[in-house]
Protein backbone atom coordinates (compact mmCIF):
# COMPACT_ATOMS: atom_id res chain seq x y z
CA MET A 1 -47.27 -135.34 129.74
CA SER A 2 -45.67 -131.88 129.65
CA CYS A 3 -43.07 -132.89 132.25
CA SER A 4 -42.17 -135.92 130.15
CA GLY A 5 -41.81 -133.72 127.08
CA GLU A 6 -39.53 -131.30 128.92
CA THR A 7 -37.31 -134.15 130.06
CA VAL A 8 -36.89 -135.46 126.52
CA GLU A 9 -36.13 -131.97 125.22
CA GLU A 10 -33.63 -131.45 128.03
CA GLU A 11 -31.83 -134.70 127.26
CA GLU A 12 -31.67 -133.91 123.56
CA GLN A 13 -29.72 -130.75 124.34
CA LEU A 14 -26.97 -132.62 126.19
CA LEU A 15 -23.59 -132.97 124.54
CA GLN A 16 -23.26 -136.42 123.05
CA ILE A 17 -20.30 -138.39 121.78
CA LYS A 18 -21.05 -138.93 118.11
CA PRO A 19 -22.64 -142.33 117.36
CA ALA A 20 -19.84 -143.51 115.05
CA ILE A 21 -17.20 -142.58 117.64
CA SER A 22 -19.25 -144.09 120.45
CA ALA A 23 -19.44 -147.35 118.49
CA GLN A 24 -15.66 -147.44 118.13
CA LEU A 25 -15.18 -146.69 121.83
CA LYS A 26 -17.55 -149.47 122.82
CA LYS A 27 -15.71 -151.85 120.51
CA ALA A 28 -12.57 -150.91 122.45
CA LYS A 29 -14.40 -151.83 125.69
CA TYR A 30 -15.22 -148.32 126.88
CA GLY A 31 -18.52 -147.53 128.51
CA VAL A 32 -20.11 -144.39 127.06
CA ALA A 33 -22.83 -142.11 128.46
CA ASP A 34 -23.60 -138.74 126.87
CA HIS A 35 -20.20 -136.95 126.90
CA SER A 36 -18.62 -139.22 129.56
CA THR A 37 -16.60 -142.42 129.38
CA VAL A 38 -15.61 -145.22 131.75
CA GLY A 39 -13.28 -148.18 131.38
CA LEU A 40 -11.51 -151.05 133.10
CA CYS A 41 -7.75 -150.64 132.93
CA HIS A 42 -5.23 -153.42 132.32
CA TRP A 43 -4.37 -153.64 136.02
CA THR A 44 -7.98 -153.78 137.21
CA LYS A 45 -8.53 -156.79 134.96
CA LYS A 46 -5.34 -158.45 136.21
CA SER A 47 -6.32 -157.79 139.83
CA PHE A 48 -9.47 -159.88 139.37
CA LYS A 49 -7.16 -162.88 138.89
CA HIS A 50 -4.67 -161.82 141.61
CA GLU A 51 -2.07 -161.33 138.86
CA GLY A 52 -0.81 -157.97 140.10
CA SER A 53 -1.91 -154.47 141.03
CA CYS A 54 -1.50 -150.98 139.65
CA TYR A 55 1.53 -149.03 140.87
CA LYS A 56 -0.94 -146.73 142.67
CA HIS A 57 -1.56 -149.64 145.03
CA LYS A 58 2.14 -149.99 145.76
CA PHE A 59 2.78 -146.25 146.03
CA TYR A 60 -0.37 -145.02 147.80
CA GLY A 61 -2.36 -148.03 148.99
CA ILE A 62 -5.15 -147.70 146.41
CA SER A 63 -7.28 -150.83 145.96
CA THR A 64 -6.88 -151.69 142.26
CA HIS A 65 -10.02 -153.78 141.81
CA ARG A 66 -12.16 -151.10 143.50
CA CYS A 67 -10.85 -148.27 141.33
CA MET A 68 -13.24 -146.63 138.87
CA GLU A 69 -11.46 -144.81 136.07
CA PHE A 70 -13.68 -142.42 134.17
CA SER A 71 -13.90 -139.01 132.54
CA PRO A 72 -16.74 -136.50 132.40
CA ALA A 73 -15.13 -135.07 129.24
CA GLY A 74 -14.42 -138.20 127.22
CA MET A 75 -13.83 -136.54 123.84
CA TYR A 76 -12.75 -133.05 124.92
CA CYS A 77 -9.16 -131.91 125.32
CA GLU A 78 -7.11 -128.78 124.66
CA ASN A 79 -3.95 -130.73 123.73
CA ARG A 80 -3.00 -133.37 121.18
CA CYS A 81 -0.06 -134.93 123.03
CA VAL A 82 2.18 -137.13 120.88
CA TYR A 83 2.36 -139.84 123.56
CA CYS A 84 -1.39 -140.05 124.26
CA TRP A 85 -2.69 -143.57 123.77
CA ARG A 86 -6.31 -142.47 124.02
CA PRO A 87 -8.52 -141.87 120.96
CA MET A 88 -7.68 -138.18 120.69
CA GLU A 89 -8.13 -138.24 116.92
CA PHE A 90 -11.86 -138.15 117.69
CA TYR A 91 -11.67 -134.97 119.77
CA ASP A 92 -13.64 -132.39 117.85
CA SER A 93 -14.55 -129.57 120.25
CA MET A 94 -12.95 -127.19 122.72
CA GLN A 95 -16.09 -126.18 124.58
CA MET A 96 -18.43 -127.72 127.14
CA LYS A 97 -21.13 -125.20 127.95
CA PRO A 98 -22.70 -125.61 131.44
CA GLU A 99 -26.20 -125.74 129.98
CA GLN A 100 -25.20 -128.59 127.65
CA VAL A 101 -23.58 -131.00 130.10
CA ALA A 102 -25.10 -133.75 132.21
CA GLU A 103 -25.40 -133.32 135.97
CA PRO A 104 -22.86 -135.20 138.12
CA GLU A 105 -25.50 -137.55 139.54
CA GLN A 106 -26.69 -138.51 136.06
CA ILE A 107 -23.12 -139.06 134.89
CA LEU A 108 -22.38 -141.39 137.78
CA ILE A 109 -25.66 -143.32 137.50
CA LYS A 110 -25.07 -144.00 133.81
CA LEU A 111 -21.35 -144.72 134.08
CA MET A 112 -21.84 -147.05 137.04
CA ALA A 113 -24.31 -149.02 134.91
CA GLU A 114 -21.88 -149.09 131.99
CA ARG A 115 -19.05 -150.18 134.27
CA LYS A 116 -21.20 -152.96 135.72
CA LYS A 117 -21.78 -154.29 132.20
CA LEU A 118 -18.03 -154.37 131.64
CA ILE A 119 -17.43 -156.19 134.95
CA ASN A 120 -20.24 -158.68 134.40
CA GLY A 121 -18.30 -160.14 131.50
CA PHE A 122 -15.60 -161.35 133.91
CA TYR A 123 -17.89 -163.51 136.05
CA GLY A 124 -17.85 -166.26 133.42
CA ASP A 125 -14.12 -166.88 133.84
CA SER A 126 -13.45 -169.16 136.82
CA ARG A 127 -9.92 -167.74 137.15
CA ASN A 128 -11.40 -164.46 138.39
CA ASP A 129 -12.04 -163.98 142.12
CA LYS A 130 -15.82 -163.64 142.51
CA GLN A 131 -15.48 -161.75 145.78
CA ARG A 132 -13.22 -159.22 144.11
CA LEU A 133 -15.65 -158.85 141.25
CA ASP A 134 -18.48 -158.24 143.73
CA GLU A 135 -16.39 -155.68 145.61
CA SER A 136 -15.39 -153.92 142.39
CA LEU A 137 -19.03 -153.01 141.74
CA LEU A 138 -18.81 -150.55 144.64
CA PRO A 139 -15.77 -148.34 143.98
CA ALA A 140 -13.66 -147.04 146.85
CA HIS A 141 -11.34 -145.03 144.61
CA TYR A 142 -12.12 -142.78 141.66
CA ALA A 143 -9.52 -141.89 139.03
CA ILE A 144 -10.85 -138.98 136.98
CA SER A 145 -8.44 -139.44 134.11
CA LEU A 146 -9.65 -141.90 131.50
CA SER A 147 -9.72 -139.81 128.31
CA GLY A 148 -10.06 -136.17 127.41
CA GLU A 149 -9.37 -133.36 129.91
CA PRO A 150 -11.71 -133.56 132.95
CA THR A 151 -11.18 -129.94 134.01
CA MET A 152 -13.07 -128.89 130.88
CA TYR A 153 -16.25 -130.27 132.47
CA PRO A 154 -17.82 -127.10 133.97
CA LYS A 155 -19.51 -128.92 136.87
CA LEU A 156 -16.37 -130.66 138.10
CA PRO A 157 -16.57 -129.18 141.64
CA GLU A 158 -20.09 -130.56 142.02
CA LEU A 159 -18.96 -133.92 140.63
CA ILE A 160 -16.10 -134.28 143.10
CA LYS A 161 -18.27 -133.22 146.04
CA TYR A 162 -20.87 -135.75 144.92
CA LEU A 163 -18.22 -138.51 144.90
CA LYS A 164 -17.08 -137.43 148.37
CA SER A 165 -20.63 -137.89 149.64
CA PHE A 166 -20.53 -141.66 149.00
CA GLU A 167 -19.85 -143.62 152.16
CA ALA A 168 -17.59 -146.10 150.31
CA THR A 169 -15.35 -143.39 148.82
CA LYS A 170 -11.83 -143.44 150.21
CA SER A 171 -9.99 -141.38 147.63
CA ILE A 172 -10.34 -139.39 144.42
CA PHE A 173 -7.47 -138.71 142.02
CA LEU A 174 -7.72 -136.05 139.33
CA VAL A 175 -5.27 -135.84 136.42
CA THR A 176 -5.02 -132.56 134.53
CA ASN A 177 -2.95 -131.15 131.69
CA GLY A 178 -2.97 -127.76 133.42
CA GLN A 179 -4.79 -125.91 130.66
CA GLU A 180 -7.68 -124.82 132.89
CA PRO A 181 -6.11 -123.02 135.89
CA ASP A 182 -9.38 -121.22 136.60
CA MET A 183 -11.06 -124.58 137.23
CA ILE A 184 -8.27 -125.64 139.61
CA GLN A 185 -8.78 -122.39 141.50
CA LYS A 186 -12.52 -123.03 141.53
CA LEU A 187 -11.97 -126.48 143.06
CA GLN A 188 -9.93 -124.84 145.81
CA ASP A 189 -12.43 -122.04 146.39
CA GLU A 190 -15.40 -124.41 146.57
CA ASP A 191 -13.69 -126.95 148.84
CA ALA A 192 -13.91 -129.52 146.04
CA LEU A 193 -10.29 -130.55 145.55
CA PRO A 194 -9.62 -134.25 144.98
CA THR A 195 -7.59 -136.33 147.42
CA GLN A 196 -4.66 -136.09 145.03
CA LEU A 197 -4.13 -133.78 142.05
CA TYR A 198 -1.83 -134.81 139.21
CA LEU A 199 -0.34 -132.27 136.81
CA SER A 200 1.11 -133.69 133.60
CA THR A 201 4.62 -132.23 133.32
CA ASN A 202 6.40 -133.29 130.18
CA ALA A 203 8.58 -130.32 129.30
CA ALA A 204 10.84 -127.86 131.09
CA ASP A 205 10.91 -125.34 128.25
CA TYR A 206 8.52 -123.78 125.76
CA GLU A 207 9.82 -125.50 122.62
CA SER A 208 9.60 -128.99 124.13
CA PHE A 209 6.19 -128.19 125.59
CA MET A 210 4.83 -127.29 122.16
CA ARG A 211 6.44 -130.27 120.44
CA ILE A 212 5.18 -132.83 122.95
CA ASN A 213 1.76 -131.46 123.93
CA LYS A 214 0.70 -129.87 120.62
CA PRO A 215 -1.72 -127.52 122.44
CA LYS A 216 -4.70 -125.80 120.85
CA TYR A 217 -4.67 -122.67 123.04
CA ASP A 218 -2.35 -119.84 121.95
CA ASP A 219 -1.49 -119.13 125.59
CA SER A 220 -1.10 -122.80 126.57
CA TRP A 221 2.39 -122.39 128.07
CA GLU A 222 1.17 -119.53 130.27
CA ARG A 223 -1.90 -121.52 131.32
CA TRP A 224 0.21 -124.51 132.28
CA ASN A 225 2.70 -122.42 134.25
CA ARG A 226 -0.13 -120.75 136.13
CA THR A 227 -1.43 -124.15 137.20
CA LEU A 228 2.09 -125.20 138.17
CA SER A 229 2.49 -122.12 140.37
CA MET A 230 -0.69 -122.99 142.27
CA LEU A 231 0.49 -126.38 143.55
CA LYS A 232 2.24 -125.07 146.67
CA ASP A 233 -0.93 -123.48 147.99
CA LEU A 234 -3.53 -126.12 147.11
CA LYS A 235 -4.99 -127.80 150.19
CA THR A 236 -4.56 -131.32 148.88
CA ARG A 237 -1.87 -133.82 147.89
CA THR A 238 -0.10 -132.87 144.67
CA VAL A 239 1.87 -134.86 142.11
CA LEU A 240 3.86 -133.89 139.03
CA ARG A 241 3.90 -136.66 136.46
CA ILE A 242 6.54 -136.81 133.73
CA THR A 243 6.22 -139.12 130.76
CA LEU A 244 9.75 -139.58 129.45
CA ILE A 245 9.97 -139.99 125.68
CA ARG A 246 13.28 -140.84 124.06
CA ASP A 247 14.56 -138.00 121.85
CA TYR A 248 11.87 -135.64 123.17
CA ASN A 249 12.51 -134.90 126.85
CA ASN A 250 14.88 -137.48 128.31
CA GLN A 251 18.13 -135.73 127.45
CA LYS A 252 20.56 -135.11 130.31
CA GLU A 253 20.66 -131.45 129.32
CA SER A 254 17.02 -131.05 130.38
CA ILE A 255 17.54 -132.32 133.93
CA PRO A 256 18.70 -129.02 135.53
CA ALA A 257 15.63 -127.18 134.21
CA PHE A 258 13.30 -129.97 135.39
CA ALA A 259 14.98 -130.06 138.81
CA GLU A 260 14.65 -126.30 139.25
CA MET A 261 11.00 -126.41 138.15
CA PHE A 262 10.24 -129.16 140.65
CA ARG A 263 12.02 -127.36 143.47
CA LYS A 264 9.97 -124.21 142.87
CA ALA A 265 6.63 -126.00 142.40
CA SER A 266 7.31 -128.21 145.45
CA PRO A 267 4.65 -130.92 144.92
CA HIS A 268 4.41 -133.72 147.45
CA PHE A 269 5.42 -136.36 144.90
CA ILE A 270 6.93 -136.63 141.43
CA GLU A 271 6.18 -139.64 139.24
CA ILE A 272 8.70 -140.20 136.45
CA LYS A 273 7.51 -142.78 133.94
CA SER A 274 8.59 -144.06 130.56
CA TYR A 275 6.34 -143.57 127.56
CA MET A 276 4.65 -146.87 126.69
CA HIS A 277 4.20 -147.83 123.04
CA ILE A 278 0.53 -148.76 123.23
CA GLY A 279 -2.86 -147.70 121.90
CA ARG A 280 -3.10 -144.91 119.38
CA SER A 281 0.29 -143.47 120.33
CA THR A 282 1.78 -146.17 118.09
CA ASN A 283 0.59 -144.08 115.13
CA ARG A 284 2.81 -141.19 116.23
CA LEU A 285 5.79 -142.65 118.05
CA GLU A 286 8.06 -145.66 117.68
CA HIS A 287 8.78 -148.56 120.03
CA GLU A 288 12.28 -147.11 120.40
CA ASN A 289 10.82 -144.01 122.05
CA MET A 290 10.29 -146.07 125.23
CA LEU A 291 12.94 -145.96 127.94
CA GLU A 292 14.25 -148.94 129.87
CA MET A 293 13.74 -148.98 133.63
CA ASP A 294 17.42 -148.37 134.35
CA GLU A 295 17.22 -145.19 132.25
CA VAL A 296 14.13 -144.00 134.14
CA LYS A 297 15.90 -144.75 137.41
CA SER A 298 19.04 -142.90 136.39
CA PHE A 299 17.04 -139.85 135.27
CA SER A 300 15.07 -139.88 138.53
CA GLU A 301 18.16 -140.15 140.69
CA GLU A 302 19.73 -137.17 138.94
CA ILE A 303 16.51 -135.15 139.33
CA ALA A 304 16.48 -135.96 143.06
CA LYS A 305 20.13 -135.00 143.42
CA GLN A 306 19.85 -131.68 141.59
CA SER A 307 16.52 -130.64 143.15
CA LYS A 308 18.01 -131.05 146.66
CA ILE A 309 14.55 -131.51 148.24
CA PHE A 310 13.36 -134.77 146.66
CA SER A 311 14.47 -138.34 147.22
CA ILE A 312 13.56 -141.64 145.55
CA MET A 313 10.61 -143.16 147.43
CA ASP A 314 9.80 -146.27 145.41
CA GLU A 315 9.60 -147.75 141.94
CA SER A 316 7.58 -150.16 139.82
CA ILE A 317 9.76 -152.00 137.35
CA VAL A 318 6.88 -153.52 135.38
CA SER A 319 5.37 -150.05 134.84
CA ARG A 320 8.80 -148.41 134.30
CA ILE A 321 8.13 -145.72 136.86
CA SER A 322 10.02 -144.11 139.75
CA ILE A 323 8.42 -141.93 142.40
CA LEU A 324 10.14 -139.14 144.30
CA GLN A 325 8.98 -137.72 147.61
CA ASN A 326 9.32 -134.14 148.84
CA ASN A 327 11.40 -134.11 152.03
CA GLU A 328 10.48 -130.52 152.85
CA ARG A 329 6.72 -131.17 152.57
CA PHE A 330 6.71 -134.74 153.83
CA ILE A 331 3.36 -136.53 154.06
CA ASP A 332 2.40 -140.18 154.50
CA ARG A 333 2.47 -141.86 151.11
CA PHE A 334 -0.50 -144.11 151.90
CA ILE A 335 -4.14 -143.02 151.81
CA PRO A 336 -6.04 -145.23 154.29
CA THR A 337 -9.19 -143.08 154.40
CA TYR A 338 -10.70 -140.25 152.41
CA ALA A 339 -10.12 -137.89 155.36
CA ASN A 340 -6.37 -138.15 154.80
CA THR A 341 -6.04 -134.91 152.85
CA ILE A 342 -3.88 -131.87 153.49
């Protein structure tokens, strides 16, 4: 009886997404467990019908229908980015204490169950490929990026190592806003880096950084630059991702500063993508803030030219994204097995 009582008490101390917020997230087809969230992206749903795949499939060989997108910090983030289409208006805390968070195994058990519920709803539509649905229940790829900032989760190294222990795991992508450089260093020190690390890179100067990211930390620019400076030495694949927003960071005048930044940081890849007028970002930006693909392509070509070390590798017109590859740190773009890390 005492053990049972301790378990209940322990669970009650865990951080929880507030019931009213959780209800809204579930209505939006998120799975929720404690402080974590999981979802099925637009491309995963389309892949069930063989109607296309995410650009990560085209660029890196990731299996779209076997990708699990989730976050261990669903409602926690240090920024309030203007282009974010996630429910950041619900973010209400800047702290995740180690003693208040769920263990990685518990997070995955609960989120897998939530994800299965979401997938089960697709079996009733005969247009969906049943074999793909069956395969999707056992993820091969994990995208730690759904909502919030995952590096705020204090047990992230343990979570990534736990994911690596699964026999079916082929790759793990982690997307960060760069506000927790100590956690990135911890991932390196504890041999817990993901297969590929993304750093959101939306400004080449302080003023633009503050305007676009609307950070909560006073030293946010310094934090981000510290993370940026680490990329060259991280023992994993690295990507800088720019979201281009018309009238915010797409001006030709910003290209030299971006190109110089990319040359110094020297990531393996750079993804340059247009802002998309979807989700909650529509409350903050206009449809006109999106760029056309030819504009994204032109910006990317100029970045490649001025950086001198990057070249255009590929593009996805439907997603309005170009990808550049580092010619000085050339690696195979495709990730056939989990072992394919740096």
